């Protein structure tokens, strides 16, 4: 399927590993110009070099999303340098830079609020003029199935703020449909990534890992590549009538109907 992404201008946050990286790879492979950010300059430079081999225009910068002013400045400058923005994918979670002991505290709640929710909200507002000028504008917020059903391994703040992000998705889709801007959430279930959270669980909490696997009808976790392909599709003009949706990719983990 042609995703009609050639020449589109995409901005992806947190794109040097995991789902963000897989999404950026897919967008670049489909011919989109891609700008990425992450905290570590060496990682950003490495990914930019790799993605550039696809022939697409790729740029990146080290940005700490806990520094909201720097983050919004980067978004504005990047959209200006690219000549616009057709696709905005807000992917970073505050948990990646958080001490494990903070994740279940009020401090952790603030971190998830600042990054998971407000970086999406303020990022969208910053890029709104560019998205309004696009002929195929799409914004995607990465949520989680932990926002839909109680999932004890996840910190309460993570679940609460990812749920808020889904509500914000619906609100923005209603407000800006008239502008031709599609806004969707993508909610992955467990994703196994080398060096990631579920590898840690597998090695250190095998009972929890096996219990989670047993709840997946497909009998396995997703790969980052599977989720990245899904995100690229939802972001693309090929999904032109999808907006206001919470797009779940979880191998059947969630059991809710409707």
Protein backbone atom coordinates (compact mmCIF):
# COMPACT_ATOMS: atom_id res chain seq x y z
CA UNK A 1 0.00 0.00 0.00
CA UNK A 2 1.20 3.48 -0.88
CA UNK A 3 0.83 5.55 2.27
CA UNK A 4 1.13 8.76 0.20
CA UNK A 5 3.85 10.06 2.50
CA UNK A 6 6.42 11.07 -0.09
CA UNK A 7 7.39 14.69 0.51
CA UNK A 8 5.31 15.01 3.68
CA UNK A 9 7.01 16.74 6.59
CA UNK A 10 6.92 14.82 9.87
CA UNK A 11 8.12 15.69 13.38
CA UNK A 12 8.58 12.80 15.82
CA UNK A 13 9.61 13.24 19.45
CA UNK A 14 11.62 10.64 21.33
CA UNK A 15 12.70 8.93 18.14
CA UNK A 16 16.08 7.35 18.88
CA UNK A 17 14.81 4.07 20.30
CA UNK A 18 11.76 1.88 20.60
CA UNK A 19 8.44 2.91 19.11
CA UNK A 20 9.60 6.43 18.20
CA UNK A 21 12.58 5.11 16.26
CA UNK A 22 10.50 2.46 14.49
CA UNK A 23 7.97 5.13 13.49
CA UNK A 24 10.65 7.48 12.17
CA UNK A 25 12.21 4.64 10.17
CA UNK A 26 8.87 3.81 8.57
CA UNK A 27 8.08 7.44 7.73
CA UNK A 28 11.49 7.98 6.15
CA UNK A 29 11.24 4.73 4.21
CA UNK A 30 7.91 5.93 2.80
CA UNK A 31 9.56 9.13 1.56
CA UNK A 32 8.62 11.62 4.26
CA UNK A 33 11.02 14.30 5.45
CA UNK A 34 11.56 13.58 9.14
CA UNK A 35 12.75 15.67 12.08
CA UNK A 36 13.44 13.94 15.38
CA UNK A 37 14.45 14.84 18.91
CA UNK A 38 15.67 12.96 21.97
CA UNK A 39 17.73 13.78 25.03
CA UNK A 40 21.12 12.41 23.90
CA UNK A 41 22.98 14.12 21.05
CA UNK A 42 25.01 11.04 20.15
CA UNK A 43 21.85 8.99 19.73
CA UNK A 44 20.18 11.71 17.67
CA UNK A 45 23.19 12.03 15.36
CA UNK A 46 23.36 8.25 14.89
CA UNK A 47 19.69 7.96 13.97
CA UNK A 48 19.78 10.96 11.64
CA UNK A 49 22.70 9.39 9.78
CA UNK A 50 20.91 6.03 9.52
CA UNK A 51 17.58 7.46 8.39
CA UNK A 52 19.26 9.69 5.82
CA UNK A 53 20.30 6.54 3.95
CA UNK A 54 16.66 6.20 2.86
CA UNK A 55 17.10 9.28 0.69
CA UNK A 56 14.70 11.38 2.72
CA UNK A 57 15.64 14.68 4.31
CA UNK A 58 16.26 13.95 7.98
CA UNK A 59 17.26 16.28 10.80
CA UNK A 60 17.44 16.05 14.55
CA UNK A 61 18.41 17.82 17.74
CA UNK A 62 19.06 16.89 21.35
CA UNK A 63 16.11 18.28 23.33
CA UNK A 64 15.06 17.58 26.91
CA UNK A 65 11.26 17.67 27.00
CA UNK A 66 11.37 18.60 30.69
CA UNK A 67 12.62 21.96 29.39
CA UNK A 68 9.35 23.10 27.86
CA UNK A 69 10.69 26.38 26.47
CA UNK A 70 13.53 24.63 24.64
CA UNK A 71 11.15 21.98 23.33
CA UNK A 72 8.61 24.43 21.95
CA UNK A 73 11.38 26.55 20.45
CA UNK A 74 12.71 23.46 18.68
CA UNK A 75 9.28 22.61 17.29
CA UNK A 76 8.76 26.12 15.96
CA UNK A 77 12.23 26.33 14.44
CA UNK A 78 11.99 22.86 12.94
CA UNK A 79 8.67 23.55 11.26
CA UNK A 80 10.13 26.78 9.88
CA UNK A 81 13.26 25.01 8.60
CA UNK A 82 11.23 22.21 6.99
CA UNK A 83 8.85 24.63 5.34
CA UNK A 84 5.89 23.38 7.35
CA UNK A 85 4.64 20.36 9.23
CA UNK A 86 2.13 17.80 7.97
CA UNK A 87 2.56 15.20 10.71
CA UNK A 88 3.22 15.62 14.43
CA UNK A 89 3.83 12.50 16.50
CA UNK A 90 4.16 13.12 20.23
CA UNK A 91 5.81 10.00 21.56
CA UNK A 92 7.94 10.77 24.63
CA UNK A 93 6.91 9.64 28.11
CA UNK A 94 8.16 11.24 31.30
CA UNK A 95 8.99 7.84 32.74
CA UNK A 96 12.12 7.46 30.63
CA UNK A 97 13.97 10.16 32.57
CA UNK A 98 12.44 9.41 35.96
CA UNK A 99 14.06 7.61 38.87
CA UNK A 100 12.10 4.38 39.55
CA UNK A 101 11.45 5.41 43.15
CA UNK A 102 9.78 8.62 41.92
CA UNK A 103 7.36 6.99 39.49
CA UNK A 104 4.73 6.20 42.15
CA UNK A 105 4.93 9.54 43.97
CA UNK A 106 3.49 13.03 43.51
CA UNK A 107 6.79 13.99 41.91
CA UNK A 108 6.26 11.25 39.35
CA UNK A 109 2.72 12.45 38.70
CA UNK A 110 4.08 15.90 37.90
CA UNK A 111 6.66 14.42 35.53
CA UNK A 112 4.06 12.45 33.58
CA UNK A 113 1.81 15.52 33.53
CA UNK A 114 4.56 17.76 32.17
CA UNK A 115 5.82 15.38 29.48
CA UNK A 116 3.10 12.90 28.51
CA UNK A 117 0.24 15.39 28.54
CA UNK A 118 1.54 18.95 28.31
CA UNK A 119 4.26 18.30 25.71
CA UNK A 120 1.49 16.96 23.49
CA UNK A 121 -0.94 19.78 24.30
CA UNK A 122 1.57 22.61 23.93
CA UNK A 123 3.35 20.91 21.05
CA UNK A 124 0.10 20.75 19.10
CA UNK A 125 -0.64 24.40 19.85
CA UNK A 126 2.83 25.44 18.68
CA UNK A 127 2.52 23.52 15.42
CA UNK A 128 -1.12 24.45 14.81
CA UNK A 129 -0.40 27.17 12.20
CA UNK A 130 1.71 24.71 10.19
CA UNK A 131 -0.89 21.97 10.52
CA UNK A 132 -3.65 24.36 9.43
CA UNK A 133 -1.61 25.20 6.33
CA UNK A 134 -1.14 21.53 5.42
CA UNK A 135 -3.37 19.73 2.93
CA UNK A 136 -3.12 16.48 4.90
CA UNK A 137 -2.45 17.40 8.52
CA UNK A 138 -2.26 14.66 11.11
CA UNK A 139 -1.34 14.68 14.81
CA UNK A 140 -0.86 11.50 16.81
CA UNK A 141 -0.45 11.21 20.56
CA UNK A 142 1.04 7.97 21.85
CA UNK A 143 -1.07 6.71 24.74
CA UNK A 144 -1.27 3.18 26.18
CA UNK A 145 -3.72 0.38 26.86
CA UNK A 146 -2.84 1.08 30.52
CA UNK A 147 -5.13 4.10 30.10
CA UNK A 148 -8.06 1.78 29.38
CA UNK A 149 -7.78 -1.03 31.92
CA UNK A 150 -6.04 -1.19 35.29
CA UNK A 151 -2.54 -2.50 34.67
CA UNK A 152 -0.65 -2.80 38.00
CA UNK A 153 2.91 -2.70 36.61
CA UNK A 154 2.24 0.83 35.35
CA UNK A 155 2.51 3.78 37.76
CA UNK A 156 -0.92 5.30 38.54
CA UNK A 157 0.18 8.66 37.13
CA UNK A 158 1.17 7.04 33.83
CA UNK A 159 -2.28 5.45 33.52
CA UNK A 160 -4.11 8.64 34.50
CA UNK A 161 -2.20 10.98 32.19
CA UNK A 162 -2.35 8.61 29.22
CA UNK A 163 -6.12 8.51 29.75
CA UNK A 164 -6.22 12.31 29.77
CA UNK A 165 -4.29 12.28 26.50
CA UNK A 166 -7.01 10.17 24.85
CA UNK A 167 -9.65 12.67 25.98
CA UNK A 168 -7.55 15.55 24.63
CA UNK A 169 -7.26 13.68 21.34
CA UNK A 170 -11.03 13.53 21.01
CA UNK A 171 -11.41 17.20 21.96
CA UNK A 172 -8.84 18.44 19.44
CA UNK A 173 -10.27 16.28 16.67
CA UNK A 174 -13.66 17.93 17.20
CA UNK A 175 -12.22 21.43 17.38
CA UNK A 176 -9.95 21.19 14.36
CA UNK A 177 -11.75 18.88 11.97
CA UNK A 178 -12.95 22.02 10.21
CA UNK A 179 -9.29 22.89 9.62
CA UNK A 180 -8.69 19.53 7.93
CA UNK A 181 -6.53 18.35 10.84
CA UNK A 182 -6.90 14.73 11.92
CA UNK A 183 -6.02 14.01 15.55
CA UNK A 184 -5.73 10.45 16.84
CA UNK A 185 -4.24 8.53 19.73
CA UNK A 186 -2.38 5.25 19.30
CA UNK A 187 -2.43 2.99 22.34
CA UNK A 188 0.05 0.12 22.27
CA UNK A 189 -0.13 -2.81 24.64
CA UNK A 190 3.06 -4.52 25.83
CA UNK A 191 5.92 -4.00 23.38
CA UNK A 192 9.08 -6.06 23.77
CA UNK A 193 12.20 -4.02 23.01
CA UNK A 194 15.75 -5.12 23.69
CA UNK A 195 16.96 -3.08 26.63
CA UNK A 196 13.43 -1.90 27.32
CA UNK A 197 11.04 -2.24 30.25
CA UNK A 198 9.65 -5.64 29.30
CA UNK A 199 13.10 -7.15 28.90
CA UNK A 200 13.79 -5.99 32.45
CA UNK A 201 10.51 -7.53 33.64
CA UNK A 202 11.32 -10.79 31.85
CA UNK A 203 14.70 -11.02 33.54
CA UNK A 204 13.73 -9.78 36.99
CA UNK A 205 10.00 -10.47 37.40
CA UNK A 206 9.42 -13.64 35.36
CA UNK A 207 6.04 -14.41 36.98
CA UNK A 208 4.65 -11.03 35.93
CA UNK A 209 6.10 -11.45 32.45
CA UNK A 210 4.56 -14.89 31.97
CA UNK A 211 1.23 -13.72 33.37
CA UNK A 212 1.17 -10.87 30.85
CA UNK A 213 2.00 -13.21 27.99
CA UNK A 214 -0.80 -15.55 29.09
CA UNK A 215 -3.29 -12.67 28.77
CA UNK A 216 -2.31 -12.01 25.16
CA UNK A 217 -4.43 -14.12 22.76
CA UNK A 218 -1.64 -13.99 20.17
CA UNK A 219 0.74 -15.39 22.76
CA UNK A 220 3.44 -12.75 22.36
CA UNK A 221 4.18 -9.06 22.75
CA UNK A 222 4.39 -6.64 19.85
CA UNK A 223 7.64 -5.52 18.30
CA UNK A 224 8.43 -1.82 18.00
CA UNK A 225 8.45 -2.28 14.23
CA UNK A 226 4.83 -3.52 14.23
CA UNK A 227 3.70 -0.52 16.23
CA UNK A 228 5.76 1.89 14.11
CA UNK A 229 4.11 0.66 10.92
CA UNK A 230 0.69 1.11 12.49
CA UNK A 231 1.47 4.66 13.61
CA UNK A 232 2.81 5.56 10.17
CA UNK A 233 -0.42 4.29 8.59
CA UNK A 234 -2.70 6.22 10.97
CA UNK A 235 -0.60 9.35 10.41
CA UNK A 236 -0.67 9.02 6.64
CA UNK A 237 -3.13 10.28 4.02
CA UNK A 238 -4.04 6.62 3.45
CA UNK A 239 -6.01 6.89 6.72
CA UNK A 240 -7.71 10.10 5.65
CA UNK A 241 -11.08 9.40 7.33
CA UNK A 242 -9.75 8.36 10.73
CA UNK A 243 -9.90 11.09 13.36
CA UNK A 244 -10.77 11.32 17.03
CA UNK A 245 -9.95 7.63 17.43
CA UNK A 246 -7.99 5.78 20.05
CA UNK A 247 -6.27 3.26 17.82
CA UNK A 248 -5.37 0.19 19.88
CA UNK A 249 -2.58 -2.21 18.93
CA UNK A 250 -2.29 -4.74 21.73
CA UNK A 251 -2.61 -8.29 20.42
CA UNK A 252 -5.99 -8.61 22.15
CA UNK A 253 -4.76 -7.71 25.64
CA UNK A 254 -7.65 -5.37 26.47
CA UNK A 255 -10.91 -7.22 27.03
CA UNK A 256 -13.37 -4.29 26.89
CA UNK A 257 -16.09 -4.26 24.22
CA UNK A 258 -17.01 -0.98 22.55
